[in-house]
């Protein structure tokens, strides 16, 4: 039973859910002190299961394209779950569970429509669902055409934070939610980018062209550093605009982790084993930054 649980955690990539859950919580707290808990819970269900569905669909699509078959070793942070390649789970399982996850998320959104008394949220969700599906699946496969980074920025930044705000208030978000959404977008895009570096040569073989195909893996650390620094800069901008309390300045302490991860990417861009460390650090940066911003809202 324990081994089966581990397999499903690995297949669903559950540890990566912090990338969506924390920005959603941030957007919720921006809206008001007295939370509308039913709306929050239904929104959270839709966020979690949309994220899980996209993760499963990504593994399915990357297996179909051959990208995940170039290197069948499981690294934990990039290259997919490898459970298809190891013969543990089938492509059909991933596809069916992905569609079921999207169905659960869609059902929660229908509930939100009733709770909010508007169908507008359904229209917004259809756009998010379309991007989540088309991120890796045919015919668009946006990730395969250097658009994955932009999609991740929009979905895990503005869409999550501003969407959570809209769920609580029913009001289309203004500048404050937008500015507060930008750090989450940059930090989560950095996670994707750090994970694309070790996969670059395998991706090229299978026709998967990420942004690194333009920059080059040897120079990828520069763009990575820009993403992380921009995220930190927007935390300070939000602080200066009065959207966050002084405690948010503690995010500057993450600069040391950013520098460490950047040096790993610069020095070890050809060494997948060593790049596990940079991917892990990048996830820690996103998680810590979001928690600091949440504290900046609460305090």
C-alpha atoms as a PDB file:
ATOM      1  CA  UNK A   1       0.000   0.000   0.000  1.00  0.00           C
ATOM      2  CA  UNK A   2       2.836   2.354   0.870  1.00  0.00           C
ATOM      3  CA  UNK A   3       4.523   1.683  -2.467  1.00  0.00           C
ATOM      4  CA  UNK A   4       1.255   2.285  -4.345  1.00  0.00           C
ATOM      5  CA  UNK A   5       0.792   5.606  -2.547  1.00  0.00           C
ATOM      6  CA  UNK A   6       4.328   6.620  -3.501  1.00  0.00           C
ATOM      7  CA  UNK A   7       3.618   5.734  -7.130  1.00  0.00           C
ATOM      8  CA  UNK A   8       0.496   7.911  -7.261  1.00  0.00           C
ATOM      9  CA  UNK A   9       2.215  10.815  -5.535  1.00  0.00           C
ATOM     10  CA  UNK A  10       4.959  10.549  -8.137  1.00  0.00           C
ATOM     11  CA  UNK A  11       2.513  10.243 -11.046  1.00  0.00           C
ATOM     12  CA  UNK A  12       0.423  13.228  -9.952  1.00  0.00           C
ATOM     13  CA  UNK A  13       3.547  15.260  -9.018  1.00  0.00           C
ATOM     14  CA  UNK A  14       1.826  16.318  -5.812  1.00  0.00           C
ATOM     15  CA  UNK A  15       4.842  18.174  -4.332  1.00  0.00           C
ATOM     16  CA  UNK A  16       4.594  20.654  -7.221  1.00  0.00           C
ATOM     17  CA  UNK A  17       1.082  21.722  -6.173  1.00  0.00           C
ATOM     18  CA  UNK A  18       2.550  24.462  -3.983  1.00  0.00           C
ATOM     19  CA  UNK A  19       3.183  26.339  -7.242  1.00  0.00           C
ATOM     20  CA  UNK A  20      -0.581  26.742  -7.717  1.00  0.00           C
ATOM     21  CA  UNK A  21      -2.017  26.504  -4.197  1.00  0.00           C
ATOM     22  CA  UNK A  22       0.094  29.267  -2.645  1.00  0.00           C
ATOM     23  CA  UNK A  23      -0.638  31.922  -5.318  1.00  0.00           C
ATOM     24  CA  UNK A  24      -4.341  31.043  -5.044  1.00  0.00           C
ATOM     25  CA  UNK A  25      -4.224  31.574  -1.274  1.00  0.00           C
ATOM     26  CA  UNK A  26      -2.390  34.859  -1.849  1.00  0.00           C
ATOM     27  CA  UNK A  27      -5.079  36.102  -4.228  1.00  0.00           C
ATOM     28  CA  UNK A  28      -7.798  35.065  -1.797  1.00  0.00           C
ATOM     29  CA  UNK A  29      -6.240  37.010   1.072  1.00  0.00           C
ATOM     30  CA  UNK A  30      -5.867  40.134  -1.059  1.00  0.00           C
ATOM     31  CA  UNK A  31      -9.618  40.259  -1.488  1.00  0.00           C
ATOM     32  CA  UNK A  32     -10.885  40.583   2.090  1.00  0.00           C
ATOM     33  CA  UNK A  33     -10.416  39.565   5.711  1.00  0.00           C
ATOM     34  CA  UNK A  34     -13.718  37.699   6.027  1.00  0.00           C
ATOM     35  CA  UNK A  35     -13.329  34.869   3.550  1.00  0.00           C
ATOM     36  CA  UNK A  36     -16.218  33.329   1.665  1.00  0.00           C
ATOM     37  CA  UNK A  37     -15.153  29.807   2.567  1.00  0.00           C
ATOM     38  CA  UNK A  38     -17.429  27.894   0.211  1.00  0.00           C
ATOM     39  CA  UNK A  39     -16.151  29.882  -2.768  1.00  0.00           C
ATOM     40  CA  UNK A  40     -12.582  29.450  -1.544  1.00  0.00           C
ATOM     41  CA  UNK A  41     -12.890  25.665  -1.214  1.00  0.00           C
ATOM     42  CA  UNK A  42     -14.556  25.203  -4.597  1.00  0.00           C
ATOM     43  CA  UNK A  43     -11.943  27.438  -6.182  1.00  0.00           C
ATOM     44  CA  UNK A  44      -9.161  25.501  -4.488  1.00  0.00           C
ATOM     45  CA  UNK A  45     -10.573  22.182  -5.740  1.00  0.00           C
ATOM     46  CA  UNK A  46     -10.674  23.547  -9.290  1.00  0.00           C
ATOM     47  CA  UNK A  47      -7.101  24.835  -9.021  1.00  0.00           C
ATOM     48  CA  UNK A  48      -5.660  21.618  -7.555  1.00  0.00           C
ATOM     49  CA  UNK A  49      -7.356  19.268 -10.005  1.00  0.00           C
ATOM     50  CA  UNK A  50      -6.642  21.470 -13.021  1.00  0.00           C
ATOM     51  CA  UNK A  51      -2.977  21.445 -12.014  1.00  0.00           C
ATOM     52  CA  UNK A  52      -3.019  17.653 -11.511  1.00  0.00           C
ATOM     53  CA  UNK A  53      -4.793  17.172 -14.842  1.00  0.00           C
ATOM     54  CA  UNK A  54      -2.186  19.308 -16.612  1.00  0.00           C
ATOM     55  CA  UNK A  55       0.654  17.368 -14.948  1.00  0.00           C
ATOM     56  CA  UNK A  56      -0.795  14.042 -16.097  1.00  0.00           C
ATOM     57  CA  UNK A  57      -1.484  15.361 -19.585  1.00  0.00           C
ATOM     58  CA  UNK A  58       2.095  16.618 -19.807  1.00  0.00           C
ATOM     59  CA  UNK A  59       3.487  13.152 -19.026  1.00  0.00           C
ATOM     60  CA  UNK A  60       1.088  11.583 -21.508  1.00  0.00           C
ATOM     61  CA  UNK A  61       1.978  14.032 -24.300  1.00  0.00           C
ATOM     62  CA  UNK A  62       5.739  13.845 -23.648  1.00  0.00           C
ATOM     63  CA  UNK A  63       5.562  10.061 -23.773  1.00  0.00           C
ATOM     64  CA  UNK A  64       3.606  10.125 -27.042  1.00  0.00           C
ATOM     65  CA  UNK A  65       6.071  12.555 -28.613  1.00  0.00           C
ATOM     66  CA  UNK A  66       9.065  10.531 -27.455  1.00  0.00           C
ATOM     67  CA  UNK A  67      10.543  13.317 -25.317  1.00  0.00           C
ATOM     68  CA  UNK A  68      10.424  11.288 -22.086  1.00  0.00           C
ATOM     69  CA  UNK A  69      11.869   8.212 -23.801  1.00  0.00           C
ATOM     70  CA  UNK A  70      15.183   9.901 -24.622  1.00  0.00           C
ATOM     71  CA  UNK A  71      16.363   9.375 -21.034  1.00  0.00           C
ATOM     72  CA  UNK A  72      14.348   6.948 -18.914  1.00  0.00           C
ATOM     73  CA  UNK A  73      16.140   7.721 -15.645  1.00  0.00           C
ATOM     74  CA  UNK A  74      13.907   9.334 -13.000  1.00  0.00           C
ATOM     75  CA  UNK A  75      15.397  12.546 -11.615  1.00  0.00           C
ATOM     76  CA  UNK A  76      12.403  13.672  -9.556  1.00  0.00           C
ATOM     77  CA  UNK A  77      12.244  17.297 -10.687  1.00  0.00           C
ATOM     78  CA  UNK A  78      12.468  17.188 -14.474  1.00  0.00           C
ATOM     79  CA  UNK A  79      12.002  14.746 -17.325  1.00  0.00           C
ATOM     80  CA  UNK A  80       8.574  13.556 -16.178  1.00  0.00           C
ATOM     81  CA  UNK A  81       7.536  10.903 -13.672  1.00  0.00           C
ATOM     82  CA  UNK A  82       9.000   8.089 -15.889  1.00  0.00           C
ATOM     83  CA  UNK A  83       6.357   5.647 -14.651  1.00  0.00           C
ATOM     84  CA  UNK A  84       5.266   5.017 -18.240  1.00  0.00           C
ATOM     85  CA  UNK A  85       8.855   4.387 -19.291  1.00  0.00           C
ATOM     86  CA  UNK A  86       9.357   2.025 -16.346  1.00  0.00           C
ATOM     87  CA  UNK A  87       6.243   0.074 -17.309  1.00  0.00           C
ATOM     88  CA  UNK A  88       4.516   0.840 -13.998  1.00  0.00           C
ATOM     89  CA  UNK A  89       1.610   2.843 -15.450  1.00  0.00           C
ATOM     90  CA  UNK A  90       0.285   3.090 -19.006  1.00  0.00           C
ATOM     91  CA  UNK A  91      -0.235   6.058 -21.301  1.00  0.00           C
ATOM     92  CA  UNK A  92      -3.952   5.245 -21.232  1.00  0.00           C
ATOM     93  CA  UNK A  93      -3.956   5.532 -17.430  1.00  0.00           C
ATOM     94  CA  UNK A  94      -2.387   8.995 -17.603  1.00  0.00           C
ATOM     95  CA  UNK A  95      -4.833  10.185 -20.255  1.00  0.00           C
ATOM     96  CA  UNK A  96      -7.916   8.885 -18.447  1.00  0.00           C
ATOM     97  CA  UNK A  97      -6.870  10.177 -15.029  1.00  0.00           C
ATOM     98  CA  UNK A  98      -5.990  13.546 -16.563  1.00  0.00           C
ATOM     99  CA  UNK A  99      -9.436  13.882 -18.133  1.00  0.00           C
ATOM    100  CA  UNK A 100     -11.078  12.759 -14.875  1.00  0.00           C
ATOM    101  CA  UNK A 101      -9.092  15.413 -12.976  1.00  0.00           C
ATOM    102  CA  UNK A 102     -10.226  18.069 -15.424  1.00  0.00           C
ATOM    103  CA  UNK A 103     -13.810  16.838 -14.943  1.00  0.00           C
ATOM    104  CA  UNK A 104     -13.569  17.263 -11.138  1.00  0.00           C
ATOM    105  CA  UNK A 105     -12.141  20.745 -11.613  1.00  0.00           C
ATOM    106  CA  UNK A 106     -14.892  21.619 -14.088  1.00  0.00           C
ATOM    107  CA  UNK A 107     -17.561  20.384 -11.649  1.00  0.00           C
ATOM    108  CA  UNK A 108     -16.132  22.647  -8.936  1.00  0.00           C
ATOM    109  CA  UNK A 109     -16.290  25.584 -11.355  1.00  0.00           C
ATOM    110  CA  UNK A 110     -19.955  24.831 -12.060  1.00  0.00           C
ATOM    111  CA  UNK A 111     -20.505  24.997  -8.305  1.00  0.00           C
ATOM    112  CA  UNK A 112     -18.737  28.356  -8.258  1.00  0.00           C
ATOM    113  CA  UNK A 113     -21.087  29.650 -10.944  1.00  0.00           C
ATOM    114  CA  UNK A 114     -24.062  28.879  -8.716  1.00  0.00           C
ATOM    115  CA  UNK A 115     -22.368  30.287  -5.612  1.00  0.00           C
ATOM    116  CA  UNK A 116     -21.414  33.518  -7.389  1.00  0.00           C
ATOM    117  CA  UNK A 117     -24.570  33.812  -9.456  1.00  0.00           C
ATOM    118  CA  UNK A 118     -22.705  34.312 -12.731  1.00  0.00           C
ATOM    119  CA  UNK A 119     -21.501  32.257 -15.694  1.00  0.00           C
ATOM    120  CA  UNK A 120     -18.541  34.572 -16.257  1.00  0.00           C
ATOM    121  CA  UNK A 121     -16.284  32.367 -14.136  1.00  0.00           C
ATOM    122  CA  UNK A 122     -17.087  29.459 -16.469  1.00  0.00           C
ATOM    123  CA  UNK A 123     -15.874  31.458 -19.460  1.00  0.00           C
ATOM    124  CA  UNK A 124     -12.629  32.322 -17.674  1.00  0.00           C
ATOM    125  CA  UNK A 125     -12.127  28.693 -16.713  1.00  0.00           C
ATOM    126  CA  UNK A 126     -12.645  27.458 -20.281  1.00  0.00           C
ATOM    127  CA  UNK A 127      -9.730  29.681 -21.338  1.00  0.00           C
ATOM    128  CA  UNK A 128      -7.540  28.318 -18.513  1.00  0.00           C
ATOM    129  CA  UNK A 129      -8.572  24.743 -19.340  1.00  0.00           C
ATOM    130  CA  UNK A 130      -7.784  25.295 -23.005  1.00  0.00           C
ATOM    131  CA  UNK A 131      -4.308  26.619 -22.188  1.00  0.00           C
ATOM    132  CA  UNK A 132      -3.666  23.836 -19.655  1.00  0.00           C
ATOM    133  CA  UNK A 133      -4.628  21.174 -22.185  1.00  0.00           C
ATOM    134  CA  UNK A 134      -2.878  22.799 -25.163  1.00  0.00           C
ATOM    135  CA  UNK A 135       0.273  23.419 -23.123  1.00  0.00           C
ATOM    136  CA  UNK A 136       1.625  19.988 -24.047  1.00  0.00           C
ATOM    137  CA  UNK A 137      -1.064  18.212 -26.066  1.00  0.00           C
ATOM    138  CA  UNK A 138      -1.672  18.329 -29.805  1.00  0.00           C
ATOM    139  CA  UNK A 139      -2.583  20.100 -31.966  1.00  0.00           C
ATOM    140  CA  UNK A 140      -1.069  23.262 -30.474  1.00  0.00           C
ATOM    141  CA  UNK A 141       1.544  21.841 -28.045  1.00  0.00           C
ATOM    142  CA  UNK A 142       2.467  25.351 -26.929  1.00  0.00           C
ATOM    143  CA  UNK A 143       5.372  24.059 -24.827  1.00  0.00           C
ATOM    144  CA  UNK A 144       6.893  22.584 -27.989  1.00  0.00           C
ATOM    145  CA  UNK A 145       6.850  25.956 -29.763  1.00  0.00           C
ATOM    146  CA  UNK A 146       8.626  28.208 -27.248  1.00  0.00           C
ATOM    147  CA  UNK A 147       5.386  29.394 -25.652  1.00  0.00           C
ATOM    148  CA  UNK A 148       5.453  27.209 -22.542  1.00  0.00           C
ATOM    149  CA  UNK A 149       7.240  29.791 -20.423  1.00  0.00           C
ATOM    150  CA  UNK A 150       4.706  32.499 -21.284  1.00  0.00           C
ATOM    151  CA  UNK A 151       1.758  30.188 -20.562  1.00  0.00           C
ATOM    152  CA  UNK A 152       3.180  29.171 -17.181  1.00  0.00           C
ATOM    153  CA  UNK A 153       3.777  32.830 -16.294  1.00  0.00           C
ATOM    154  CA  UNK A 154       0.177  33.745 -17.084  1.00  0.00           C
ATOM    155  CA  UNK A 155      -1.461  30.704 -15.482  1.00  0.00           C
ATOM    156  CA  UNK A 156       0.596  30.577 -12.283  1.00  0.00           C
ATOM    157  CA  UNK A 157       0.795  34.332 -11.846  1.00  0.00           C
ATOM    158  CA  UNK A 158      -2.042  36.629 -12.963  1.00  0.00           C
ATOM    159  CA  UNK A 159      -4.620  33.886 -13.634  1.00  0.00           C
ATOM    160  CA  UNK A 160      -4.273  32.298 -10.182  1.00  0.00           C
ATOM    161  CA  UNK A 161      -3.909  35.394  -8.029  1.00  0.00           C
ATOM    162  CA  UNK A 162      -6.396  37.571  -9.892  1.00  0.00           C
ATOM    163  CA  UNK A 163      -8.751  34.618 -10.323  1.00  0.00           C
ATOM    164  CA  UNK A 164      -8.796  33.988  -6.567  1.00  0.00           C
ATOM    165  CA  UNK A 165      -9.505  37.679  -5.991  1.00  0.00           C
ATOM    166  CA  UNK A 166     -12.395  37.577  -8.467  1.00  0.00           C
ATOM    167  CA  UNK A 167     -13.858  34.459  -6.818  1.00  0.00           C
ATOM    168  CA  UNK A 168     -14.011  36.251  -3.460  1.00  0.00           C
ATOM    169  CA  UNK A 169     -15.253  39.634  -4.652  1.00  0.00           C
ATOM    170  CA  UNK A 170     -17.011  39.073  -7.975  1.00  0.00           C
ATOM    171  CA  UNK A 171     -15.169  42.190  -9.140  1.00  0.00           C
ATOM    172  CA  UNK A 172     -12.676  42.149 -12.004  1.00  0.00           C
ATOM    173  CA  UNK A 173      -9.231  42.702 -10.404  1.00  0.00           C
ATOM    174  CA  UNK A 174      -7.475  46.048 -10.579  1.00  0.00           C
ATOM    175  CA  UNK A 175      -3.834  47.041 -10.279  1.00  0.00           C
ATOM    176  CA  UNK A 176      -3.233  45.712  -6.757  1.00  0.00           C
ATOM    177  CA  UNK A 177      -4.025  42.036  -7.507  1.00  0.00           C
ATOM    178  CA  UNK A 178      -2.192  42.329 -10.823  1.00  0.00           C
ATOM    179  CA  UNK A 179       1.008  43.679  -9.281  1.00  0.00           C
ATOM    180  CA  UNK A 180       0.858  41.099  -6.489  1.00  0.00           C
ATOM    181  CA  UNK A 181       0.455  38.314  -9.062  1.00  0.00           C
ATOM    182  CA  UNK A 182       3.673  39.136 -10.925  1.00  0.00           C
ATOM    183  CA  UNK A 183       6.225  37.683  -8.443  1.00  0.00           C
ATOM    184  CA  UNK A 184       4.399  34.333  -8.423  1.00  0.00           C
ATOM    185  CA  UNK A 185       4.445  34.325 -12.226  1.00  0.00           C
ATOM    186  CA  UNK A 186       8.175  34.985 -12.446  1.00  0.00           C
ATOM    187  CA  UNK A 187       9.144  32.511  -9.703  1.00  0.00           C
ATOM    188  CA  UNK A 188       7.046  29.679 -11.167  1.00  0.00           C
ATOM    189  CA  UNK A 189       8.356  30.353 -14.669  1.00  0.00           C
ATOM    190  CA  UNK A 190      11.847  30.039 -13.186  1.00  0.00           C
ATOM    191  CA  UNK A 191      10.915  26.538 -11.972  1.00  0.00           C
ATOM    192  CA  UNK A 192       9.926  25.522 -15.492  1.00  0.00           C
ATOM    193  CA  UNK A 193      13.023  27.124 -16.968  1.00  0.00           C
ATOM    194  CA  UNK A 194      15.399  25.445 -14.497  1.00  0.00           C
ATOM    195  CA  UNK A 195      13.788  22.101 -15.320  1.00  0.00           C
ATOM    196  CA  UNK A 196      14.134  22.685 -19.062  1.00  0.00           C
ATOM    197  CA  UNK A 197      17.914  23.064 -18.911  1.00  0.00           C
ATOM    198  CA  UNK A 198      18.735  19.405 -18.141  1.00  0.00           C
ATOM    199  CA  UNK A 199      16.083  18.232 -20.615  1.00  0.00           C
ATOM    200  CA  UNK A 200      17.270  20.458 -23.459  1.00  0.00           C
ATOM    201  CA  UNK A 201      19.226  17.981 -25.580  1.00  0.00           C
ATOM    202  CA  UNK A 202      16.592  15.249 -25.127  1.00  0.00           C
ATOM    203  CA  UNK A 203      13.845  17.736 -26.023  1.00  0.00           C
ATOM    204  CA  UNK A 204      15.575  18.774 -29.242  1.00  0.00           C
ATOM    205  CA  UNK A 205      15.761  15.157 -30.394  1.00  0.00           C
ATOM    206  CA  UNK A 206      11.986  14.819 -30.085  1.00  0.00           C
ATOM    207  CA  UNK A 207      11.135  18.175 -31.697  1.00  0.00           C
ATOM    208  CA  UNK A 208      10.394  19.950 -28.432  1.00  0.00           C
ATOM    209  CA  UNK A 209      11.637  23.520 -28.763  1.00  0.00           C
ATOM    210  CA  UNK A 210      11.643  25.422 -25.492  1.00  0.00           C
ATOM    211  CA  UNK A 211      12.943  28.944 -24.979  1.00  0.00           C
ATOM    212  CA  UNK A 212      16.381  27.479 -24.312  1.00  0.00           C
ATOM    213  CA  UNK A 213      16.603  26.538 -27.995  1.00  0.00           C
ATOM    214  CA  UNK A 214      17.006  30.283 -28.635  1.00  0.00           C
ATOM    215  CA  UNK A 215      19.169  31.197 -25.648  1.00  0.00           C
ATOM    216  CA  UNK A 216      21.329  28.072 -25.567  1.00  0.00           C
ATOM    217  CA  UNK A 217      21.844  25.920 -22.439  1.00  0.00           C
ATOM    218  CA  UNK A 218      25.252  27.460 -21.745  1.00  0.00           C
ATOM    219  CA  UNK A 219      23.664  30.933 -21.405  1.00  0.00           C
ATOM    220  CA  UNK A 220      20.442  29.807 -19.741  1.00  0.00           C
ATOM    221  CA  UNK A 221      21.676  30.860 -16.300  1.00  0.00           C
ATOM    222  CA  UNK A 222      21.463  34.528 -17.380  1.00  0.00           C
ATOM    223  CA  UNK A 223      17.757  34.339 -18.209  1.00  0.00           C
ATOM    224  CA  UNK A 224      17.128  32.281 -15.078  1.00  0.00           C
ATOM    225  CA  UNK A 225      18.775  34.950 -12.939  1.00  0.00           C
ATOM    226  CA  UNK A 226      16.689  37.665 -14.645  1.00  0.00           C
ATOM    227  CA  UNK A 227      13.485  35.769 -13.874  1.00  0.00           C
ATOM    228  CA  UNK A 228      14.349  35.361 -10.194  1.00  0.00           C
ATOM    229  CA  UNK A 229      15.620  38.916  -9.715  1.00  0.00           C
ATOM    230  CA  UNK A 230      12.548  40.348 -11.430  1.00  0.00           C
ATOM    231  CA  UNK A 231      10.339  38.336  -9.083  1.00  0.00           C
ATOM    232  CA  UNK A 232      12.193  39.724  -6.058  1.00  0.00           C
ATOM    233  CA  UNK A 233      12.086  43.241  -7.503  1.00  0.00           C
ATOM    234  CA  UNK A 234       8.307  43.112  -7.840  1.00  0.00           C
ATOM    235  CA  UNK A 235       7.990  42.075  -4.200  1.00  0.00           C
ATOM    236  CA  UNK A 236       9.836  45.271  -3.295  1.00  0.00           C
ATOM    237  CA  UNK A 237       7.679  47.264  -5.724  1.00  0.00           C
ATOM    238  CA  UNK A 238       4.564  45.896  -4.036  1.00  0.00           C
ATOM    239  CA  UNK A 239       6.059  46.801  -0.686  1.00  0.00           C
ATOM    240  CA  UNK A 240       6.759  50.354  -1.888  1.00  0.00           C
ATOM    241  CA  UNK A 241       3.188  50.678  -3.211  1.00  0.00           C
ATOM    242  CA  UNK A 242       1.835  49.692   0.208  1.00  0.00           C
ATOM    243  CA  UNK A 243       0.380  46.378  -0.961  1.00  0.00           C
ATOM    244  CA  UNK A 244       2.609  44.360   1.389  1.00  0.00           C
ATOM    245  CA  UNK A 245       3.869  44.971   4.909  1.00  0.00           C
ATOM    246  CA  UNK A 246       7.524  45.480   5.830  1.00  0.00           C
ATOM    247  CA  UNK A 247       7.954  41.768   6.583  1.00  0.00           C
ATOM    248  CA  UNK A 248       7.963  41.121   2.821  1.00  0.00           C
ATOM    249  CA  UNK A 249      11.422  42.697   2.651  1.00  0.00           C
ATOM    250  CA  UNK A 250      12.613  39.394   4.104  1.00  0.00           C
ATOM    251  CA  UNK A 251      12.330  38.020   0.576  1.00  0.00           C
ATOM    252  CA  UNK A 252      15.696  39.659  -0.120  1.00  0.00           C
ATOM    253  CA  UNK A 253      17.232  36.842   1.909  1.00  0.00           C
ATOM    254  CA  UNK A 254      16.293  34.538  -0.973  1.00  0.00           C
ATOM    255  CA  UNK A 255      18.876  36.304  -3.122  1.00  0.00           C
ATOM    256  CA  UNK A 256      21.589  34.037  -1.707  1.00  0.00           C
ATOM    257  CA  UNK A 257      19.652  30.940  -2.816  1.00  0.00           C
ATOM    258  CA  UNK A 258      19.064  32.515  -6.229  1.00  0.00           C
ATOM    259  CA  UNK A 259      22.795  33.105  -6.653  1.00  0.00           C
ATOM    260  CA  UNK A 260      23.592  29.537  -5.612  1.00  0.00           C
ATOM    261  CA  UNK A 261      21.077  28.060  -8.070  1.00  0.00           C
ATOM    262  CA  UNK A 262      22.353  30.375 -10.823  1.00  0.00           C
ATOM    263  CA  UNK A 263      25.957  29.224 -10.349  1.00  0.00           C
ATOM    264  CA  UNK A 264      24.866  25.573 -10.524  1.00  0.00           C
ATOM    265  CA  UNK A 265      23.088  26.256 -13.833  1.00  0.00           C
ATOM    266  CA  UNK A 266      26.132  28.096 -15.161  1.00  0.00           C
ATOM    267  CA  UNK A 267      28.681  25.474 -14.179  1.00  0.00           C
ATOM    268  CA  UNK A 268      26.746  22.217 -14.468  1.00  0.00           C
ATOM    269  CA  UNK A 269      24.349  22.769 -17.385  1.00  0.00           C
ATOM    270  CA  UNK A 270      25.494  19.466 -18.945  1.00  0.00           C
ATOM    271  CA  UNK A 271      25.256  17.432 -15.735  1.00  0.00           C
ATOM    272  CA  UNK A 272      21.704  16.255 -14.985  1.00  0.00           C
ATOM    273  CA  UNK A 273      22.613  14.818 -11.596  1.00  0.00           C
ATOM    274  CA  UNK A 274      24.016  18.153 -10.426  1.00  0.00           C
ATOM    275  CA  UNK A 275      21.082  20.098 -11.908  1.00  0.00           C
ATOM    276  CA  UNK A 276      18.675  18.336  -9.538  1.00  0.00           C
ATOM    277  CA  UNK A 277      20.007  20.712  -6.883  1.00  0.00           C
ATOM    278  CA  UNK A 278      19.205  23.858  -8.904  1.00  0.00           C
ATOM    279  CA  UNK A 279      15.679  22.620  -9.614  1.00  0.00           C
ATOM    280  CA  UNK A 280      15.132  21.863  -5.925  1.00  0.00           C
ATOM    281  CA  UNK A 281      16.420  25.288  -4.882  1.00  0.00           C
ATOM    282  CA  UNK A 282      14.176  27.002  -7.416  1.00  0.00           C
ATOM    283  CA  UNK A 283      11.099  25.306  -5.967  1.00  0.00           C
ATOM    284  CA  UNK A 284      12.193  26.389  -2.490  1.00  0.00           C
ATOM    285  CA  UNK A 285      12.529  29.983  -3.726  1.00  0.00           C
ATOM    286  CA  UNK A 286       9.000  30.027  -5.178  1.00  0.00           C
ATOM    287  CA  UNK A 287       7.498  28.444  -2.072  1.00  0.00           C
ATOM    288  CA  UNK A 288       9.331  30.732   0.358  1.00  0.00           C
ATOM    289  CA  UNK A 289       8.585  33.866  -1.669  1.00  0.00           C
ATOM    290  CA  UNK A 290       4.849  33.100  -1.781  1.00  0.00           C
ATOM    291  CA  UNK A 291       4.758  32.366   1.956  1.00  0.00           C
ATOM    292  CA  UNK A 292       6.562  35.645   2.656  1.00  0.00           C
ATOM    293  CA  UNK A 293       4.059  37.523   0.500  1.00  0.00           C
ATOM    294  CA  UNK A 294       1.146  35.795   2.249  1.00  0.00           C
ATOM    295  CA  UNK A 295       2.664  36.872   5.571  1.00  0.00           C
ATOM    296  CA  UNK A 296       3.012  40.369   4.126  1.00  0.00           C
ATOM    297  CA  UNK A 297      -0.725  40.414   3.450  1.00  0.00           C
ATOM    298  CA  UNK A 298      -1.762  38.910   6.796  1.00  0.00           C
ATOM    299  CA  UNK A 299       0.480  41.187   8.841  1.00  0.00           C
END
